[in-house]
Protein backbone atom coordinates (compact mmCIF):
# COMPACT_ATOMS: atom_id res chain seq x y z
CA MET A 1 -45.81 9.73 -69.80
CA SER A 2 -43.34 9.78 -72.74
CA ILE A 3 -39.96 8.12 -73.00
CA GLN A 4 -39.02 12.35 -74.09
CA ALA A 5 -40.24 13.20 -71.11
CA LEU A 6 -38.49 10.67 -68.82
CA HIS A 7 -35.23 11.61 -70.86
CA THR A 8 -35.39 15.21 -69.98
CA ALA A 9 -35.97 14.64 -66.26
CA LEU A 10 -32.73 11.97 -66.66
CA LEU A 11 -30.82 15.37 -67.91
CA GLN A 12 -32.71 18.04 -65.24
CA THR A 13 -31.33 15.52 -62.66
CA GLU A 14 -28.05 14.89 -63.64
CA THR A 15 -27.55 18.70 -64.21
CA ALA A 16 -28.72 19.69 -60.81
CA LEU A 17 -26.78 16.95 -58.77
CA ASP A 18 -23.31 16.39 -59.19
CA LEU A 19 -23.74 12.29 -58.99
CA ARG A 20 -20.96 10.06 -58.31
CA HIS A 21 -23.14 7.06 -60.17
CA ALA A 22 -25.28 6.69 -63.00
CA VAL A 23 -29.08 7.12 -62.28
CA ALA A 24 -30.40 3.24 -62.12
CA ALA A 25 -33.82 2.02 -62.92
CA MET A 26 -35.96 -0.78 -62.23
CA ARG A 27 -39.20 -2.82 -63.38
CA PHE A 28 -40.71 -5.95 -62.77
CA LEU A 29 -41.24 -8.90 -64.57
CA ARG A 30 -44.52 -9.92 -63.92
CA THR A 31 -44.99 -13.31 -65.71
CA GLU A 32 -42.89 -15.80 -67.10
CA ALA A 33 -43.60 -14.62 -70.48
CA ASP A 34 -42.14 -10.93 -69.72
CA LEU A 35 -38.96 -12.90 -68.19
CA ALA A 36 -38.04 -14.64 -70.89
CA ALA A 37 -38.87 -11.50 -73.20
CA CYS A 38 -37.04 -9.33 -71.41
CA PRO A 39 -33.41 -8.47 -73.60
CA ALA A 40 -31.14 -8.13 -70.61
CA PRO A 41 -29.27 -11.13 -69.60
CA PHE A 42 -29.28 -12.67 -65.99
CA PRO A 43 -26.08 -12.47 -64.41
CA ALA A 44 -23.38 -14.51 -64.81
CA THR A 45 -23.62 -15.40 -60.93
CA ARG A 46 -26.04 -15.16 -58.11
CA MET A 47 -25.93 -11.86 -56.52
CA ALA A 48 -27.95 -9.88 -54.15
CA TYR A 49 -31.03 -7.28 -55.54
CA CYS A 50 -29.04 -4.54 -54.25
CA VAL A 51 -25.84 -5.76 -56.26
CA MET A 52 -27.46 -5.65 -59.03
CA VAL A 53 -28.68 -1.92 -58.50
CA ARG A 54 -25.19 -1.05 -57.67
CA GLN A 55 -24.25 -2.48 -60.96
CA ALA A 56 -26.92 -0.74 -62.91
CA MET A 57 -25.12 2.11 -61.83
CA ARG A 58 -22.14 1.42 -63.23
CA GLY A 59 -23.88 0.75 -66.57
CA HIS A 60 -24.58 -3.09 -66.30
CA HIS A 61 -28.25 -4.32 -67.37
CA TYR A 62 -29.53 -7.66 -66.09
CA LYS A 63 -32.47 -9.26 -65.23
CA ALA A 64 -33.01 -12.07 -62.49
CA ASP A 65 -35.73 -14.58 -61.19
CA ALA A 66 -35.47 -15.67 -57.59
CA ALA A 67 -32.93 -18.37 -58.34
CA HIS A 68 -30.55 -15.60 -59.64
CA LEU A 69 -31.02 -13.53 -56.61
CA ARG A 70 -28.79 -14.25 -53.80
CA CYS A 71 -30.40 -12.76 -50.82
CA PRO A 72 -33.61 -14.10 -49.30
CA GLY A 73 -35.02 -11.24 -47.95
CA GLY A 74 -34.74 -9.17 -51.76
CA GLN A 75 -36.63 -12.19 -53.15
CA LEU A 76 -39.50 -11.93 -50.46
CA ALA A 77 -39.25 -8.08 -50.65
CA LEU A 78 -40.05 -7.84 -54.30
CA GLY A 79 -42.65 -10.67 -54.32
CA LEU A 80 -40.27 -13.10 -56.00
CA ARG A 81 -41.06 -15.75 -53.37
CA GLU A 82 -44.05 -16.33 -50.81
CA LYS A 83 -44.09 -15.07 -47.33
CA ASP A 84 -43.68 -17.58 -45.28
CA ASP A 85 -44.16 -18.10 -41.27
CA ASP A 86 -40.47 -17.70 -40.65
CA PHE A 87 -40.80 -14.38 -41.66
CA THR A 88 -44.10 -13.15 -40.94
CA SER A 89 -43.48 -14.11 -37.11
CA GLY A 90 -40.42 -12.50 -36.87
CA HIS A 91 -38.31 -15.20 -36.50
CA ASN A 92 -36.26 -14.65 -39.22
CA PHE A 93 -35.35 -10.84 -38.12
CA HIS A 94 -35.01 -12.91 -34.17
CA ARG A 95 -32.38 -15.02 -35.35
CA LEU A 96 -30.23 -12.94 -37.60
CA GLY A 97 -30.44 -10.66 -34.17
CA LEU A 98 -31.50 -7.87 -35.60
CA TYR A 99 -33.81 -6.57 -32.64
CA ALA A 100 -34.18 -6.63 -29.23
CA ASP A 101 -36.30 -9.27 -28.81
CA LEU A 102 -39.31 -11.43 -30.90
CA PRO A 103 -41.99 -8.91 -30.25
CA THR A 104 -39.69 -6.28 -31.57
CA CYS A 105 -39.15 -8.49 -34.66
CA ALA A 106 -42.53 -9.26 -35.32
CA ASP A 107 -43.42 -5.63 -34.92
CA MET A 108 -40.62 -4.64 -37.27
CA VAL A 109 -41.93 -7.10 -39.88
CA ALA A 110 -45.46 -5.92 -39.93
CA HIS A 111 -43.88 -2.47 -40.94
CA THR A 112 -41.67 -3.96 -43.49
CA PRO A 113 -43.15 -3.22 -46.90
CA VAL A 114 -43.31 -6.34 -49.01
CA ALA A 115 -44.37 -7.07 -52.37
CA GLN A 116 -48.53 -7.41 -52.83
CA GLN A 117 -48.25 -8.93 -56.07
CA ARG A 118 -46.04 -12.07 -56.99
CA ALA A 119 -43.37 -11.28 -59.92
CA ALA A 120 -41.46 -13.69 -62.53
CA GLY A 121 -38.37 -11.39 -62.25
CA VAL A 122 -37.02 -8.13 -62.10
CA GLU A 123 -34.48 -6.05 -64.98
CA THR A 124 -32.13 -3.54 -63.36
CA GLY A 125 -30.18 -1.45 -65.32
CA PRO A 126 -29.15 2.41 -66.18
CA LEU A 127 -31.89 4.35 -66.36
CA SER A 128 -30.40 5.51 -70.20
CA ALA A 129 -30.53 2.03 -71.20
CA PHE A 130 -34.27 1.91 -70.02
CA ILE A 131 -34.87 5.39 -72.31
CA GLU A 132 -32.86 4.09 -75.30
CA GLN A 133 -34.87 0.71 -75.26
CA ALA A 134 -38.11 2.88 -75.04
CA VAL A 135 -39.41 0.93 -71.92
CA LEU A 136 -41.02 2.91 -68.88
CA PRO A 137 -39.23 1.52 -65.66
CA ASP A 138 -41.05 1.11 -62.46
CA VAL A 139 -38.75 2.96 -60.16
CA VAL A 140 -35.92 5.27 -60.44
CA LEU A 141 -33.12 4.97 -57.76
CA LEU A 142 -30.45 7.33 -56.81
CA THR A 143 -27.23 6.95 -54.83
CA VAL A 144 -26.87 10.68 -53.37
CA THR A 145 -24.79 12.33 -50.35
CA PRO A 146 -27.20 13.87 -47.64
CA TYR A 147 -26.96 17.14 -49.19
CA GLN A 148 -28.13 15.79 -52.48
CA ALA A 149 -30.95 13.75 -50.59
CA MET A 150 -31.99 17.06 -49.49
CA ARG A 151 -32.24 18.74 -52.86
CA ILE A 152 -34.02 15.68 -54.54
CA MET A 153 -36.36 16.05 -51.24
CA GLN A 154 -36.99 19.89 -51.92
CA GLY A 155 -37.60 19.33 -55.64
CA ASP A 156 -40.13 16.44 -54.89
CA ALA A 157 -41.81 18.85 -52.30
CA TYR A 158 -41.92 21.93 -54.77
CA TYR A 159 -44.84 20.78 -56.73
CA GLN A 160 -46.44 17.45 -54.97
CA SER A 161 -46.03 18.49 -51.23
CA GLY A 162 -44.19 16.78 -48.70
CA VAL A 163 -44.43 12.67 -48.12
CA SER A 164 -43.84 10.79 -44.98
CA LEU A 165 -40.61 8.26 -44.94
CA HIS A 166 -40.10 4.85 -44.16
CA THR A 167 -36.76 3.82 -43.21
CA ALA A 168 -35.21 1.90 -40.12
CA GLY A 169 -31.85 1.15 -41.81
CA ASN A 170 -33.13 -2.69 -43.16
CA GLN A 171 -33.77 -4.20 -46.33
CA ALA A 172 -32.97 -0.81 -47.74
CA VAL A 173 -32.72 -1.09 -51.25
CA CYS A 174 -35.43 -3.88 -52.12
CA SER A 175 -38.26 -2.85 -49.32
CA GLU A 176 -37.20 0.69 -48.53
CA CYS A 177 -36.19 2.37 -52.01
CA THR A 178 -38.29 0.11 -54.43
CA ILE A 179 -41.23 -1.36 -52.96
CA THR A 180 -41.79 1.48 -50.51
CA PRO A 181 -42.18 4.02 -53.70
CA TYR A 182 -43.53 1.56 -55.86
CA GLN A 183 -46.34 0.89 -53.78
CA THR A 184 -46.99 4.35 -52.58
CA GLY A 185 -46.65 6.41 -56.02
CA THR A 186 -44.45 8.30 -53.68
CA ILE A 187 -40.30 8.66 -52.71
CA ASN A 188 -38.66 7.08 -49.79
CA LEU A 189 -34.73 7.21 -48.82
CA SER A 190 -32.46 5.17 -46.88
CA MET A 191 -29.55 5.37 -45.29
CA PHE A 192 -28.72 1.74 -46.30
CA CYS A 193 -28.54 -1.36 -44.20
CA GLY A 194 -25.50 -3.25 -43.00
CA GLY A 195 -25.95 -6.19 -45.73
CA THR A 196 -26.02 -3.73 -48.82
CA ARG A 197 -23.26 -1.39 -47.29
CA HIS A 198 -20.73 -4.98 -47.03
CA ASN A 199 -22.02 -6.30 -50.56
CA ALA A 200 -22.37 -3.73 -52.44
CA ARG A 201 -20.14 -1.17 -51.00
CA TRP A 202 -21.55 1.74 -50.56
CA GLY A 203 -19.52 4.97 -49.41
CA GLU A 204 -19.98 5.74 -45.70
CA ASP A 205 -21.32 9.33 -46.71
CA GLU A 206 -23.73 7.58 -49.43
CA MET A 207 -27.70 7.16 -49.03
CA MET A 208 -30.31 5.86 -51.92
CA VAL A 209 -33.31 7.47 -53.20
CA GLY A 210 -36.10 5.60 -54.84
CA VAL A 211 -38.97 7.66 -56.83
CA ALA A 212 -41.76 5.95 -58.33
CA MET A 213 -41.52 6.06 -62.10
CA PRO A 214 -44.71 8.29 -62.44
CA ARG A 215 -43.59 11.00 -59.80
CA PHE A 216 -39.91 10.87 -60.76
CA LEU A 217 -40.78 13.58 -63.68
CA LYS A 218 -42.18 15.85 -61.12
CA THR A 219 -39.91 15.61 -58.89
CA ALA A 220 -36.91 16.32 -61.59
CA GLN A 221 -38.86 19.55 -62.60
CA GLY A 222 -39.17 20.69 -59.10
CA LEU A 223 -35.12 19.61 -58.77
CA PHE A 224 -34.29 22.08 -61.84
CA ASP A 225 -37.14 24.76 -60.76
CA THR A 226 -35.68 24.97 -57.02
CA ILE A 227 -32.00 25.69 -58.30
CA ASN A 228 -31.99 29.39 -57.65
CA LEU A 229 -33.95 29.29 -54.66
CA MET A 230 -31.62 26.91 -53.07
CA GLU A 231 -28.55 26.38 -54.31
CA PRO A 232 -25.38 29.06 -53.41
CA ASN A 233 -23.42 30.61 -56.36
CA ASP A 234 -20.64 27.86 -56.54
CA LYS A 235 -22.84 25.26 -56.83
CA LYS A 236 -24.88 27.02 -59.55
CA ARG A 237 -21.71 27.74 -61.37
CA ALA A 238 -21.27 24.08 -61.78
CA ILE A 239 -24.72 23.29 -62.56
CA GLN A 240 -24.41 25.93 -65.30
CA ALA A 241 -21.30 24.13 -66.97
CA ARG A 242 -23.02 21.04 -66.62
CA ALA A 243 -26.26 22.51 -68.48
CA ASN A 244 -23.85 23.83 -70.76
CA GLN A 245 -22.39 20.18 -71.77
CA ARG A 246 -25.46 18.58 -71.79
CA GLY A 247 -27.07 21.49 -74.18
CA LEU A 248 -30.05 22.01 -71.53
CA ALA A 249 -31.48 25.60 -71.04
CA VAL A 250 -31.10 26.78 -67.59
CA ASP A 251 -31.69 30.24 -66.22
CA ILE A 252 -29.36 30.93 -63.31
CA VAL A 253 -30.17 33.90 -61.16
CA TYR A 254 -26.95 34.66 -59.11
CA ASP A 255 -26.52 36.20 -55.39
CA SER A 256 -30.44 35.10 -55.16
CA ASN A 257 -31.48 32.26 -52.25
CA TYR A 258 -34.36 32.30 -50.27
CA PHE A 259 -32.00 31.74 -47.25
CA LEU A 260 -30.04 34.85 -48.03
CA PRO A 261 -31.32 38.66 -46.82
CA LYS A 262 -32.81 40.63 -49.47
CA LYS A 263 -30.64 43.42 -51.03
CA PRO A 264 -32.44 46.66 -50.30
């Protein structure tokens, strides 16, 4: 996988979708040496991982270890601290009142993906920053509207068929949109959770999609190649304008969609 191919995939995504926020990315810093070598600064104050991702979509580039991540759930999900009995038994979820009873909490814990490998830290930033530094991330993260989520899923399925999604409105950014795609090598979406909506101030009409890095190239290509099939004329005109701005070639065919009746 080349940095140039990743850059093309970013241009395709930005052209096909009228995104409100920059496309973000993250990578795991597996060892203390990786953490030290990463040129991104630590944040000035402790913040939750989901807030780091939110800041990445505003152009900020950070690294963090467990000491710099404020949310224990994010630390655990990302492999920055070990699972303990309080978590695995479901008592932590039960204490927070997230589910009706302890057995339900324990079952939800068993189905909440967390890192299988320890990490010294994580790095987050705009995907463009990783491209500029010629570093491949592990997961690409996009905050989107439901319509844009639909288009991404259509693009992903175009070349790679469908996937089974994992989403429960809990640990949305760290588990659902980072660990799940990373460990499955696929794509996942989340409607967010109460914690990240409070801390990162996402819009009520926004949700998140996480895509494993190796899959992102085909997802972006599929998104681009389904424009004529899926988009109405007004959106096609806007896509053409964005393509012109980016110097990206796109063959738009108007009055042509799979859901419109065929002309005689």
